[in-house]
PDB file of all heavy atoms in Angstrom:
ATOM      1  N   CYS A   1      -2.784 -15.242  -7.486  1.00  0.00           N
ATOM      2  CA  CYS A   1      -2.039 -13.989  -7.457  1.00  0.00           C
ATOM      3  C   CYS A   1      -1.685 -13.565  -6.037  1.00  0.00           C
ATOM      4  O   CYS A   1      -2.152 -14.133  -5.047  1.00  0.00           O
ATOM      5  CB  CYS A   1      -2.844 -12.876  -8.134  1.00  0.00           C
ATOM      6  SG  CYS A   1      -4.327 -12.368  -7.222  1.00  0.00           S
ATOM      7  N   HIS A   2      -0.878 -12.544  -5.966  1.00  0.00           N
ATOM      8  CA  HIS A   2      -0.469 -11.908  -4.716  1.00  0.00           C
ATOM      9  C   HIS A   2      -0.304 -10.419  -4.999  1.00  0.00           C
ATOM     10  O   HIS A   2       0.119 -10.036  -6.097  1.00  0.00           O
ATOM     11  CB  HIS A   2       0.865 -12.500  -4.228  1.00  0.00           C
ATOM     12  CG  HIS A   2       1.461 -11.773  -3.084  1.00  0.00           C
ATOM     13  ND1 HIS A   2       2.417 -10.787  -3.238  1.00  0.00           N
ATOM     14  CD2 HIS A   2       1.238 -11.869  -1.751  1.00  0.00           C
ATOM     15  CE1 HIS A   2       2.749 -10.319  -2.055  1.00  0.00           C
ATOM     16  NE2 HIS A   2       2.061 -10.947  -1.138  1.00  0.00           N
ATOM     17  N   ILE A   3      -0.643  -9.588  -4.012  1.00  0.00           N
ATOM     18  CA  ILE A   3      -0.535  -8.141  -4.202  1.00  0.00           C
ATOM     19  C   ILE A   3       0.500  -7.566  -3.242  1.00  0.00           C
ATOM     20  O   ILE A   3       0.455  -7.803  -2.035  1.00  0.00           O
ATOM     21  CB  ILE A   3      -1.887  -7.436  -3.970  1.00  0.00           C
ATOM     22  CG1 ILE A   3      -2.913  -7.902  -4.999  1.00  0.00           C
ATOM     23  CG2 ILE A   3      -1.719  -5.918  -4.075  1.00  0.00           C
ATOM     24  CD1 ILE A   3      -4.259  -7.244  -4.860  1.00  0.00           C
ATOM     25  N   ASN A   4       1.439  -6.808  -3.806  1.00  0.00           N
ATOM     26  CA  ASN A   4       2.383  -6.023  -3.019  1.00  0.00           C
ATOM     27  C   ASN A   4       1.868  -4.597  -2.961  1.00  0.00           C
ATOM     28  O   ASN A   4       1.799  -3.918  -3.991  1.00  0.00           O
ATOM     29  CB  ASN A   4       3.777  -6.035  -3.662  1.00  0.00           C
ATOM     30  CG  ASN A   4       4.595  -7.226  -3.252  1.00  0.00           C
ATOM     31  OD1 ASN A   4       4.687  -7.545  -2.066  1.00  0.00           O
ATOM     32  ND2 ASN A   4       5.186  -7.904  -4.218  1.00  0.00           N
ATOM     33  N   LEU A   5       1.510  -4.144  -1.777  1.00  0.00           N
ATOM     34  CA  LEU A   5       1.069  -2.767  -1.599  1.00  0.00           C
ATOM     35  C   LEU A   5       2.294  -1.903  -1.295  1.00  0.00           C
ATOM     36  O   LEU A   5       3.075  -2.212  -0.391  1.00  0.00           O
ATOM     37  CB  LEU A   5       0.063  -2.675  -0.455  1.00  0.00           C
ATOM     38  CG  LEU A   5      -1.234  -3.474  -0.663  1.00  0.00           C
ATOM     39  CD1 LEU A   5      -2.104  -3.405   0.587  1.00  0.00           C
ATOM     40  CD2 LEU A   5      -2.000  -2.958  -1.873  1.00  0.00           C
ATOM     41  N   ILE A   6       2.456  -0.822  -2.054  1.00  0.00           N
ATOM     42  CA  ILE A   6       3.658   0.008  -1.966  1.00  0.00           C
ATOM     43  C   ILE A   6       3.258   1.450  -1.671  1.00  0.00           C
ATOM     44  O   ILE A   6       2.670   2.116  -2.540  1.00  0.00           O
ATOM     45  CB  ILE A   6       4.460  -0.039  -3.290  1.00  0.00           C
ATOM     46  CG1 ILE A   6       4.728  -1.489  -3.706  1.00  0.00           C
ATOM     47  CG2 ILE A   6       5.752   0.753  -3.164  1.00  0.00           C
ATOM     48  CD1 ILE A   6       5.269  -1.618  -5.126  1.00  0.00           C
ATOM     49  N   PRO A   7       3.543   1.952  -0.482  1.00  0.00           N
ATOM     50  CA  PRO A   7       3.309   3.382  -0.243  1.00  0.00           C
ATOM     51  C   PRO A   7       4.143   4.194  -1.232  1.00  0.00           C
ATOM     52  O   PRO A   7       5.336   3.948  -1.392  1.00  0.00           O
ATOM     53  CB  PRO A   7       3.805   3.583   1.195  1.00  0.00           C
ATOM     54  CG  PRO A   7       3.792   2.209   1.809  1.00  0.00           C
ATOM     55  CD  PRO A   7       4.115   1.261   0.689  1.00  0.00           C
ATOM     56  N   VAL A   8       3.532   5.136  -1.925  1.00  0.00           N
ATOM     57  CA  VAL A   8       4.247   5.864  -2.975  1.00  0.00           C
ATOM     58  C   VAL A   8       5.475   6.558  -2.384  1.00  0.00           C
ATOM     59  O   VAL A   8       5.432   7.139  -1.291  1.00  0.00           O
ATOM     60  CB  VAL A   8       3.327   6.892  -3.681  1.00  0.00           C
ATOM     61  CG1 VAL A   8       2.974   8.068  -2.785  1.00  0.00           C
ATOM     62  CG2 VAL A   8       3.949   7.369  -4.982  1.00  0.00           C
ATOM     63  N   ASN A   9       6.592   6.455  -3.092  1.00  0.00           N
ATOM     64  CA  ASN A   9       7.832   7.080  -2.653  1.00  0.00           C
ATOM     65  C   ASN A   9       7.979   8.455  -3.286  1.00  0.00           C
ATOM     66  O   ASN A   9       7.477   8.715  -4.382  1.00  0.00           O
ATOM     67  CB  ASN A   9       9.025   6.187  -3.009  1.00  0.00           C
ATOM     68  CG  ASN A   9       9.028   4.903  -2.204  1.00  0.00           C
ATOM     69  OD1 ASN A   9       9.061   4.928  -0.973  1.00  0.00           O
ATOM     70  ND2 ASN A   9       8.976   3.762  -2.885  1.00  0.00           N
ATOM     71  N   ASP A  10       8.681   9.320  -2.588  1.00  0.00           N
ATOM     72  CA  ASP A  10       8.777  10.712  -3.007  1.00  0.00           C
ATOM     73  C   ASP A  10       9.582  10.876  -4.292  1.00  0.00           C
ATOM     74  O   ASP A  10      10.710  10.399  -4.395  1.00  0.00           O
ATOM     75  CB  ASP A  10       9.432  11.540  -1.897  1.00  0.00           C
ATOM     76  CG  ASP A  10       9.555  13.012  -2.295  1.00  0.00           C
ATOM     77  OD1 ASP A  10       8.530  13.597  -2.650  1.00  0.00           O
ATOM     78  OD2 ASP A  10      10.681  13.537  -2.258  1.00  0.00           O
ATOM     79  N   VAL A  11       8.970  11.515  -5.266  1.00  0.00           N
ATOM     80  CA  VAL A  11       9.654  11.980  -6.479  1.00  0.00           C
ATOM     81  C   VAL A  11       9.269  13.445  -6.598  1.00  0.00           C
ATOM     82  O   VAL A  11       8.113  13.777  -6.875  1.00  0.00           O
ATOM     83  CB  VAL A  11       9.209  11.188  -7.729  1.00  0.00           C
ATOM     84  CG1 VAL A  11       9.862  11.766  -8.979  1.00  0.00           C
ATOM     85  CG2 VAL A  11       9.542   9.710  -7.582  1.00  0.00           C
ATOM     86  N   LYS A  12      10.233  14.326  -6.376  1.00  0.00           N
ATOM     87  CA  LYS A  12       9.908  15.743  -6.181  1.00  0.00           C
ATOM     88  C   LYS A  12       9.146  16.342  -7.352  1.00  0.00           C
ATOM     89  O   LYS A  12       8.304  17.233  -7.175  1.00  0.00           O
ATOM     90  CB  LYS A  12      11.178  16.539  -5.895  1.00  0.00           C
ATOM     91  CG  LYS A  12      12.197  16.544  -7.030  1.00  0.00           C
ATOM     92  CD  LYS A  12      13.441  17.331  -6.643  1.00  0.00           C
ATOM     93  CE  LYS A  12      14.468  17.341  -7.768  1.00  0.00           C
ATOM     94  NZ  LYS A  12      15.689  18.098  -7.395  1.00  0.00           N
ATOM     95  N   GLU A  13       9.425  15.871  -8.577  1.00  0.00           N
ATOM     96  CA  GLU A  13       8.743  16.436  -9.754  1.00  0.00           C
ATOM     97  C   GLU A  13       7.295  15.974  -9.869  1.00  0.00           C
ATOM     98  O   GLU A  13       6.526  16.556 -10.636  1.00  0.00           O
ATOM     99  CB  GLU A  13       9.493  16.043 -11.036  1.00  0.00           C
ATOM    100  CG  GLU A  13      10.899  16.587 -11.133  1.00  0.00           C
ATOM    101  CD  GLU A  13      11.938  15.628 -10.585  1.00  0.00           C
ATOM    102  OE1 GLU A  13      11.581  14.744  -9.771  1.00  0.00           O
ATOM    103  OE2 GLU A  13      13.118  15.752 -10.966  1.00  0.00           O
ATOM    104  N   ARG A  14       6.924  14.925  -9.147  1.00  0.00           N
ATOM    105  CA  ARG A  14       5.603  14.335  -9.333  1.00  0.00           C
ATOM    106  C   ARG A  14       4.545  14.897  -8.388  1.00  0.00           C
ATOM    107  O   ARG A  14       3.383  15.036  -8.757  1.00  0.00           O
ATOM    108  CB  ARG A  14       5.689  12.802  -9.140  1.00  0.00           C
ATOM    109  CG  ARG A  14       6.540  12.091 -10.191  1.00  0.00           C
ATOM    110  CD  ARG A  14       6.047  12.377 -11.578  1.00  0.00           C
ATOM    111  NE  ARG A  14       6.621  11.473 -12.574  1.00  0.00           N
ATOM    112  CZ  ARG A  14       6.418  11.579 -13.872  1.00  0.00           C
ATOM    113  NH1 ARG A  14       5.665  12.566 -14.338  1.00  0.00           N
ATOM    114  NH2 ARG A  14       6.959  10.721 -14.727  1.00  0.00           N
ATOM    115  N   GLY A  15       4.925  15.162  -7.150  1.00  0.00           N
ATOM    116  CA  GLY A  15       3.975  15.757  -6.212  1.00  0.00           C
ATOM    117  C   GLY A  15       2.949  14.800  -5.651  1.00  0.00           C
ATOM    118  O   GLY A  15       1.940  15.238  -5.060  1.00  0.00           O
ATOM    119  N   ASN A  16       3.149  13.491  -5.807  1.00  0.00           N
ATOM    120  CA  ASN A  16       2.221  12.524  -5.228  1.00  0.00           C
ATOM    121  C   ASN A  16       2.410  12.464  -3.715  1.00  0.00           C
ATOM    122  O   ASN A  16       3.523  12.616  -3.202  1.00  0.00           O
ATOM    123  CB  ASN A  16       2.442  11.136  -5.826  1.00  0.00           C
ATOM    124  CG  ASN A  16       2.066  11.084  -7.287  1.00  0.00           C
ATOM    125  OD1 ASN A  16       0.993  11.538  -7.676  1.00  0.00           O
ATOM    126  ND2 ASN A  16       2.937  10.533  -8.120  1.00  0.00           N
ATOM    127  N   ILE A  17       1.318  12.230  -2.993  1.00  0.00           N
ATOM    128  CA  ILE A  17       1.354  12.184  -1.532  1.00  0.00           C
ATOM    129  C   ILE A  17       1.119  10.754  -1.058  1.00  0.00           C
ATOM    130  O   ILE A  17       0.197  10.075  -1.515  1.00  0.00           O
ATOM    131  CB  ILE A  17       0.295  13.123  -0.927  1.00  0.00           C
ATOM    132  CG1 ILE A  17       0.551  14.562  -1.398  1.00  0.00           C
ATOM    133  CG2 ILE A  17       0.315  13.046   0.595  1.00  0.00           C
ATOM    134  CD1 ILE A  17      -0.533  15.535  -0.972  1.00  0.00           C
ATOM    135  N   ARG A  18       1.959  10.311  -0.157  1.00  0.00           N
ATOM    136  CA  ARG A  18       1.878   8.961   0.407  1.00  0.00           C
ATOM    137  C   ARG A  18       0.596   8.795   1.215  1.00  0.00           C
ATOM    138  O   ARG A  18       0.207   9.683   1.987  1.00  0.00           O
ATOM    139  CB  ARG A  18       3.089   8.727   1.303  1.00  0.00           C
ATOM    140  CG  ARG A  18       3.191   7.351   1.931  1.00  0.00           C
ATOM    141  CD  ARG A  18       4.328   7.360   2.940  1.00  0.00           C
ATOM    142  NE  ARG A  18       4.635   6.043   3.462  1.00  0.00           N
ATOM    143  CZ  ARG A  18       3.996   5.452   4.458  1.00  0.00           C
ATOM    144  NH1 ARG A  18       2.960   6.077   5.024  1.00  0.00           N
ATOM    145  NH2 ARG A  18       4.357   4.255   4.885  1.00  0.00           N
ATOM    146  N   SER A  19      -0.076   7.677   1.034  1.00  0.00           N
ATOM    147  CA  SER A  19      -1.241   7.367   1.852  1.00  0.00           C
ATOM    148  C   SER A  19      -0.807   7.180   3.303  1.00  0.00           C
ATOM    149  O   SER A  19       0.323   6.766   3.587  1.00  0.00           O
ATOM    150  CB  SER A  19      -1.912   6.087   1.354  1.00  0.00           C
ATOM    151  OG  SER A  19      -2.312   6.214   0.006  1.00  0.00           O
ATOM    152  N   SER A  20      -1.695   7.476   4.230  1.00  0.00           N
ATOM    153  CA  SER A  20      -1.378   7.311   5.650  1.00  0.00           C
ATOM    154  C   SER A  20      -1.257   5.832   5.992  1.00  0.00           C
ATOM    155  O   SER A  20      -1.801   4.963   5.292  1.00  0.00           O
ATOM    156  CB  SER A  20      -2.466   7.941   6.514  1.00  0.00           C
ATOM    157  OG  SER A  20      -3.672   7.203   6.396  1.00  0.00           O
ATOM    158  N   ASN A  21      -0.557   5.535   7.070  1.00  0.00           N
ATOM    159  CA  ASN A  21      -0.417   4.147   7.516  1.00  0.00           C
ATOM    160  C   ASN A  21      -1.779   3.525   7.794  1.00  0.00           C
ATOM    161  O   ASN A  21      -2.004   2.343   7.502  1.00  0.00           O
ATOM    162  CB  ASN A  21       0.456   4.081   8.774  1.00  0.00           C
ATOM    163  CG  ASN A  21       1.910   4.397   8.486  1.00  0.00           C
ATOM    164  OD1 ASN A  21       2.366   4.280   7.348  1.00  0.00           O
ATOM    165  ND2 ASN A  21       2.643   4.813   9.506  1.00  0.00           N
ATOM    166  N   GLU A  22      -2.692   4.314   8.354  1.00  0.00           N
ATOM    167  CA  GLU A  22      -4.040   3.822   8.646  1.00  0.00           C
ATOM    168  C   GLU A  22      -4.770   3.439   7.356  1.00  0.00           C
ATOM    169  O   GLU A  22      -5.408   2.381   7.271  1.00  0.00           O
ATOM    170  CB  GLU A  22      -4.835   4.883   9.400  1.00  0.00           C
ATOM    171  CG  GLU A  22      -6.250   4.448   9.759  1.00  0.00           C
ATOM    172  CD  GLU A  22      -7.043   5.542  10.462  1.00  0.00           C
ATOM    173  OE1 GLU A  22      -6.510   6.671  10.593  1.00  0.00           O
ATOM    174  OE2 GLU A  22      -8.194   5.275  10.851  1.00  0.00           O
ATOM    175  N   THR A  23      -4.653   4.296   6.339  1.00  0.00           N
ATOM    176  CA  THR A  23      -5.313   4.019   5.058  1.00  0.00           C
ATOM    177  C   THR A  23      -4.725   2.780   4.399  1.00  0.00           C
ATOM    178  O   THR A  23      -5.467   1.938   3.858  1.00  0.00           O
ATOM    179  CB  THR A  23      -5.160   5.231   4.118  1.00  0.00           C
ATOM    180  OG1 THR A  23      -5.826   6.354   4.689  1.00  0.00           O
ATOM    181  CG2 THR A  23      -5.759   4.944   2.748  1.00  0.00           C
ATOM    182  N   ILE A  24      -3.406   2.647   4.444  1.00  0.00           N
ATOM    183  CA  ILE A  24      -2.734   1.487   3.845  1.00  0.00           C
ATOM    184  C   ILE A  24      -3.180   0.199   4.523  1.00  0.00           C
ATOM    185  O   ILE A  24      -3.473  -0.810   3.859  1.00  0.00           O
ATOM    186  CB  ILE A  24      -1.207   1.656   3.940  1.00  0.00           C
ATOM    187  CG1 ILE A  24      -0.748   2.831   3.081  1.00  0.00           C
ATOM    188  CG2 ILE A  24      -0.489   0.378   3.505  1.00  0.00           C
ATOM    189  CD1 ILE A  24       0.695   3.256   3.330  1.00  0.00           C
ATOM    190  N   LEU A  25      -3.253   0.229   5.855  1.00  0.00           N
ATOM    191  CA  LEU A  25      -3.677  -0.957   6.600  1.00  0.00           C
ATOM    192  C   LEU A  25      -5.125  -1.312   6.294  1.00  0.00           C
ATOM    193  O   LEU A  25      -5.463  -2.492   6.114  1.00  0.00           O
ATOM    194  CB  LEU A  25      -3.491  -0.718   8.098  1.00  0.00           C
ATOM    195  CG  LEU A  25      -3.740  -1.925   9.019  1.00  0.00           C
ATOM    196  CD1 LEU A  25      -2.809  -3.076   8.642  1.00  0.00           C
ATOM    197  CD2 LEU A  25      -3.541  -1.538  10.476  1.00  0.00           C
ATOM    198  N   LYS A  26      -6.003  -0.311   6.211  1.00  0.00           N
ATOM    199  CA  LYS A  26      -7.405  -0.569   5.860  1.00  0.00           C
ATOM    200  C   LYS A  26      -7.516  -1.192   4.468  1.00  0.00           C
ATOM    201  O   LYS A  26      -8.297  -2.127   4.258  1.00  0.00           O
ATOM    202  CB  LYS A  26      -8.204   0.740   5.912  1.00  0.00           C
ATOM    203  CG  LYS A  26      -8.543   1.219   7.301  1.00  0.00           C
ATOM    204  CD  LYS A  26      -9.380   2.496   7.234  1.00  0.00           C
ATOM    205  CE  LYS A  26      -9.752   2.985   8.618  1.00  0.00           C
ATOM    206  NZ  LYS A  26     -10.546   4.250   8.564  1.00  0.00           N
ATOM    207  N   PHE A  27      -6.742  -0.661   3.529  1.00  0.00           N
ATOM    208  CA  PHE A  27      -6.752  -1.179   2.160  1.00  0.00           C
ATOM    209  C   PHE A  27      -6.345  -2.654   2.166  1.00  0.00           C
ATOM    210  O   PHE A  27      -6.993  -3.505   1.533  1.00  0.00           O
ATOM    211  CB  PHE A  27      -5.788  -0.363   1.301  1.00  0.00           C
ATOM    212  CG  PHE A  27      -5.998  -0.488  -0.179  1.00  0.00           C
ATOM    213  CD1 PHE A  27      -6.689   0.480  -0.880  1.00  0.00           C
ATOM    214  CD2 PHE A  27      -5.495  -1.571  -0.888  1.00  0.00           C
ATOM    215  CE1 PHE A  27      -6.876   0.383  -2.257  1.00  0.00           C
ATOM    216  CE2 PHE A  27      -5.672  -1.686  -2.253  1.00  0.00           C
ATOM    217  CZ  PHE A  27      -6.371  -0.706  -2.946  1.00  0.00           C
ATOM    218  N   SER A  28      -5.264  -2.953   2.885  1.00  0.00           N
ATOM    219  CA  SER A  28      -4.778  -4.332   2.975  1.00  0.00           C
ATOM    220  C   SER A  28      -5.815  -5.251   3.599  1.00  0.00           C
ATOM    221  O   SER A  28      -6.054  -6.370   3.119  1.00  0.00           O
ATOM    222  CB  SER A  28      -3.481  -4.361   3.794  1.00  0.00           C
ATOM    223  OG  SER A  28      -3.026  -5.683   3.969  1.00  0.00           O
ATOM    224  N   ASN A  29      -6.442  -4.788   4.660  1.00  0.00           N
ATOM    225  CA  ASN A  29      -7.433  -5.628   5.356  1.00  0.00           C
ATOM    226  C   ASN A  29      -8.650  -5.903   4.493  1.00  0.00           C
ATOM    227  O   ASN A  29      -9.226  -7.007   4.542  1.00  0.00           O
ATOM    228  CB  ASN A  29      -7.852  -4.959   6.670  1.00  0.00           C
ATOM    229  CG  ASN A  29      -6.749  -5.000   7.713  1.00  0.00           C
ATOM    230  OD1 ASN A  29      -5.865  -5.854   7.651  1.00  0.00           O
ATOM    231  ND2 ASN A  29      -6.801  -4.092   8.674  1.00  0.00           N
ATOM    232  N   VAL A  30      -9.082  -4.936   3.695  1.00  0.00           N
ATOM    233  CA  VAL A  30     -10.209  -5.159   2.779  1.00  0.00           C
ATOM    234  C   VAL A  30      -9.873  -6.279   1.791  1.00  0.00           C
ATOM    235  O   VAL A  30     -10.686  -7.167   1.533  1.00  0.00           O
ATOM    236  CB  VAL A  30     -10.568  -3.864   2.023  1.00  0.00           C
ATOM    237  CG1 VAL A  30     -11.547  -4.166   0.874  1.00  0.00           C
ATOM    238  CG2 VAL A  30     -11.180  -2.837   2.965  1.00  0.00           C
ATOM    239  N   LEU A  31      -8.666  -6.237   1.235  1.00  0.00           N
ATOM    240  CA  LEU A  31      -8.252  -7.277   0.298  1.00  0.00           C
ATOM    241  C   LEU A  31      -8.248  -8.651   0.971  1.00  0.00           C
ATOM    242  O   LEU A  31      -8.769  -9.632   0.426  1.00  0.00           O
ATOM    243  CB  LEU A  31      -6.858  -6.962  -0.255  1.00  0.00           C
ATOM    244  CG  LEU A  31      -6.728  -5.731  -1.146  1.00  0.00           C
ATOM    245  CD1 LEU A  31      -5.258  -5.492  -1.508  1.00  0.00           C
ATOM    246  CD2 LEU A  31      -7.558  -5.869  -2.422  1.00  0.00           C
ATOM    247  N   LYS A  32      -7.668  -8.719   2.152  1.00  0.00           N
ATOM    248  CA  LYS A  32      -7.564 -10.001   2.856  1.00  0.00           C
ATOM    249  C   LYS A  32      -8.930 -10.559   3.219  1.00  0.00           C
ATOM    250  O   LYS A  32      -9.164 -11.769   3.111  1.00  0.00           O
ATOM    251  CB  LYS A  32      -6.690  -9.841   4.097  1.00  0.00           C
ATOM    252  CG  LYS A  32      -5.224  -9.583   3.780  1.00  0.00           C
ATOM    253  CD  LYS A  32      -4.410  -9.309   5.036  1.00  0.00           C
ATOM    254  CE  LYS A  32      -2.957  -9.028   4.711  1.00  0.00           C
ATOM    255  NZ  LYS A  32      -2.157  -8.714   5.924  1.00  0.00           N
ATOM    256  N   ARG A  33      -9.828  -9.678   3.661  1.00  0.00           N
ATOM    257  CA  ARG A  33     -11.182 -10.136   4.007  1.00  0.00           C
ATOM    258  C   ARG A  33     -11.905 -10.693   2.792  1.00  0.00           C
ATOM    259  O   ARG A  33     -12.829 -11.506   2.923  1.00  0.00           O
ATOM    260  CB  ARG A  33     -11.997  -8.987   4.609  1.00  0.00           C
ATOM    261  CG  ARG A  33     -11.628  -8.644   6.034  1.00  0.00           C
ATOM    262  CD  ARG A  33     -12.743  -7.840   6.697  1.00  0.00           C
ATOM    263  NE  ARG A  33     -13.052  -6.608   5.993  1.00  0.00           N
ATOM    264  CZ  ARG A  33     -12.474  -5.433   6.235  1.00  0.00           C
ATOM    265  NH1 ARG A  33     -11.533  -5.342   7.178  1.00  0.00           N
ATOM    266  NH2 ARG A  33     -12.823  -4.360   5.560  1.00  0.00           N
ATOM    267  N   ASN A  34     -11.490 -10.260   1.618  1.00  0.00           N
ATOM    268  CA  ASN A  34     -12.135 -10.722   0.389  1.00  0.00           C
ATOM    269  C   ASN A  34     -11.306 -11.787  -0.333  1.00  0.00           C
ATOM    270  O   ASN A  34     -11.483 -12.025  -1.527  1.00  0.00           O
ATOM    271  CB  ASN A  34     -12.396  -9.534  -0.530  1.00  0.00           C
ATOM    272  CG  ASN A  34     -13.557  -8.677  -0.055  1.00  0.00           C
ATOM    273  OD1 ASN A  34     -14.712  -8.955  -0.378  1.00  0.00           O
ATOM    274  ND2 ASN A  34     -13.254  -7.656   0.741  1.00  0.00           N
ATOM    275  N   GLY A  35     -10.407 -12.431   0.415  1.00  0.00           N
ATOM    276  CA  GLY A  35      -9.700 -13.600  -0.105  1.00  0.00           C
ATOM    277  C   GLY A  35      -8.497 -13.318  -0.981  1.00  0.00           C
ATOM    278  O   GLY A  35      -8.016 -14.214  -1.676  1.00  0.00           O
ATOM    279  N   ILE A  36      -7.977 -12.085  -0.945  1.00  0.00           N
ATOM    280  CA  ILE A  36      -6.822 -11.739  -1.766  1.00  0.00           C
ATOM    281  C   ILE A  36      -5.574 -11.660  -0.883  1.00  0.00           C
ATOM    282  O   ILE A  36      -5.547 -10.912   0.101  1.00  0.00           O
ATOM    283  CB  ILE A  36      -7.029 -10.391  -2.491  1.00  0.00           C
ATOM    284  CG1 ILE A  36      -8.317 -10.423  -3.336  1.00  0.00           C
ATOM    285  CG2 ILE A  36      -5.825 -10.078  -3.365  1.00  0.00           C
ATOM    286  CD1 ILE A  36      -8.320 -11.464  -4.435  1.00  0.00           C
ATOM    287  N   ASN A  37      -4.554 -12.396  -1.243  1.00  0.00           N
ATOM    288  CA  ASN A  37      -3.295 -12.394  -0.506  1.00  0.00           C
ATOM    289  C   ASN A  37      -2.556 -11.084  -0.755  1.00  0.00           C
ATOM    290  O   ASN A  37      -2.234 -10.757  -1.896  1.00  0.00           O
ATOM    291  CB  ASN A  37      -2.450 -13.589  -0.962  1.00  0.00           C
ATOM    292  CG  ASN A  37      -1.197 -13.773  -0.126  1.00  0.00           C
ATOM    293  OD1 ASN A  37      -1.003 -13.072   0.856  1.00  0.00           O
ATOM    294  ND2 ASN A  37      -0.363 -14.709  -0.524  1.00  0.00           N
ATOM    295  N   ALA A  38      -2.297 -10.336   0.314  1.00  0.00           N
ATOM    296  CA  ALA A  38      -1.661  -9.026   0.149  1.00  0.00           C
ATOM    297  C   ALA A  38      -0.644  -8.784   1.257  1.00  0.00           C
ATOM    298  O   ALA A  38      -0.839  -9.197   2.401  1.00  0.00           O
ATOM    299  CB  ALA A  38      -2.713  -7.919   0.173  1.00  0.00           C
ATOM    300  N   THR A  39       0.452  -8.106   0.904  1.00  0.00           N
ATOM    301  CA  THR A  39       1.447  -7.683   1.884  1.00  0.00           C
ATOM    302  C   THR A  39       1.802  -6.228   1.621  1.00  0.00           C
ATOM    303  O   THR A  39       1.683  -5.738   0.488  1.00  0.00           O
ATOM    304  CB  THR A  39       2.731  -8.536   1.806  1.00  0.00           C
ATOM    305  OG1 THR A  39       3.246  -8.506   0.469  1.00  0.00           O
ATOM    306  CG2 THR A  39       2.466  -9.971   2.210  1.00  0.00           C
ATOM    307  N   ILE A  40       2.262  -5.546   2.660  1.00  0.00           N
ATOM    308  CA  ILE A  40       2.714  -4.164   2.539  1.00  0.00           C
ATOM    309  C   ILE A  40       4.225  -4.192   2.425  1.00  0.00           C
ATOM    310  O   ILE A  40       4.919  -4.693   3.319  1.00  0.00           O
ATOM    311  CB  ILE A  40       2.283  -3.332   3.758  1.00  0.00           C
ATOM    312  CG1 ILE A  40       0.752  -3.345   3.874  1.00  0.00           C
ATOM    313  CG2 ILE A  40       2.797  -1.895   3.639  1.00  0.00           C
ATOM    314  CD1 ILE A  40       0.228  -2.743   5.166  1.00  0.00           C
ATOM    315  N   ARG A  41       4.747  -3.711   1.319  1.00  0.00           N
ATOM    316  CA  ARG A  41       6.182  -3.795   1.058  1.00  0.00           C
ATOM    317  C   ARG A  41       6.964  -2.861   1.977  1.00  0.00           C
ATOM    318  O   ARG A  41       6.617  -1.696   2.139  1.00  0.00           O
ATOM    319  CB  ARG A  41       6.490  -3.463  -0.402  1.00  0.00           C
ATOM    320  CG  ARG A  41       7.989  -3.558  -0.723  1.00  0.00           C
ATOM    321  CD  ARG A  41       8.266  -3.310  -2.185  1.00  0.00           C
ATOM    322  NE  ARG A  41       7.750  -4.379  -3.020  1.00  0.00           N
ATOM    323  CZ  ARG A  41       7.804  -4.360  -4.355  1.00  0.00           C
ATOM    324  NH1 ARG A  41       8.334  -3.315  -4.978  1.00  0.00           N
ATOM    325  NH2 ARG A  41       7.314  -5.353  -5.056  1.00  0.00           N
ATOM    326  N   ARG A  42       8.043  -3.416   2.526  1.00  0.00           N
ATOM    327  CA  ARG A  42       8.954  -2.621   3.351  1.00  0.00           C
ATOM    328  C   ARG A  42       9.764  -1.686   2.455  1.00  0.00           C
ATOM    329  O   ARG A  42      10.280  -2.098   1.424  1.00  0.00           O
ATOM    330  CB  ARG A  42       9.876  -3.577   4.118  1.00  0.00           C
ATOM    331  CG  ARG A  42      10.850  -2.899   5.059  1.00  0.00           C
ATOM    332  CD  ARG A  42      11.443  -3.922   6.029  1.00  0.00           C
ATOM    333  NE  ARG A  42      12.156  -4.990   5.329  1.00  0.00           N
ATOM    334  CZ  ARG A  42      13.484  -5.091   5.302  1.00  0.00           C
ATOM    335  NH1 ARG A  42      14.226  -4.178   5.910  1.00  0.00           N
ATOM    336  NH2 ARG A  42      14.066  -6.090   4.682  1.00  0.00           N
ATOM    337  N   THR A  43       9.905  -0.445   2.852  1.00  0.00           N
ATOM    338  CA  THR A  43      10.680   0.526   2.079  1.00  0.00           C
ATOM    339  C   THR A  43      12.146   0.423   2.437  1.00  0.00           C
ATOM    340  O   THR A  43      12.517   0.485   3.612  1.00  0.00           O
ATOM    341  CB  THR A  43      10.187   1.956   2.356  1.00  0.00           C
ATOM    342  OG1 THR A  43       8.822   2.061   1.945  1.00  0.00           O
ATOM    343  CG2 THR A  43      11.019   2.979   1.593  1.00  0.00           C
ATOM    344  N   LEU A  44      12.999   0.241   1.418  1.00  0.00           N
ATOM    345  CA  LEU A  44      14.443   0.165   1.618  1.00  0.00           C
ATOM    346  C   LEU A  44      15.132   1.286   0.843  1.00  0.00           C
ATOM    347  O   LEU A  44      14.698   1.656  -0.246  1.00  0.00           O
ATOM    348  CB  LEU A  44      14.981  -1.191   1.146  1.00  0.00           C
ATOM    349  CG  LEU A  44      14.494  -2.439   1.895  1.00  0.00           C
ATOM    350  CD1 LEU A  44      15.028  -3.697   1.230  1.00  0.00           C
ATOM    351  CD2 LEU A  44      14.917  -2.398   3.354  1.00  0.00           C
TER     352      LEU A  44
END
């Protein structure tokens, strides 16, 4: 498998808050250290 990490995008009705860049990077590094292939998706 492979994991695409996606910072949540704004949907005004939902009110979800995007994780910080630091948190996203830490999350990715934990996965990689444990043998899981992960990338952070670029927002377009």
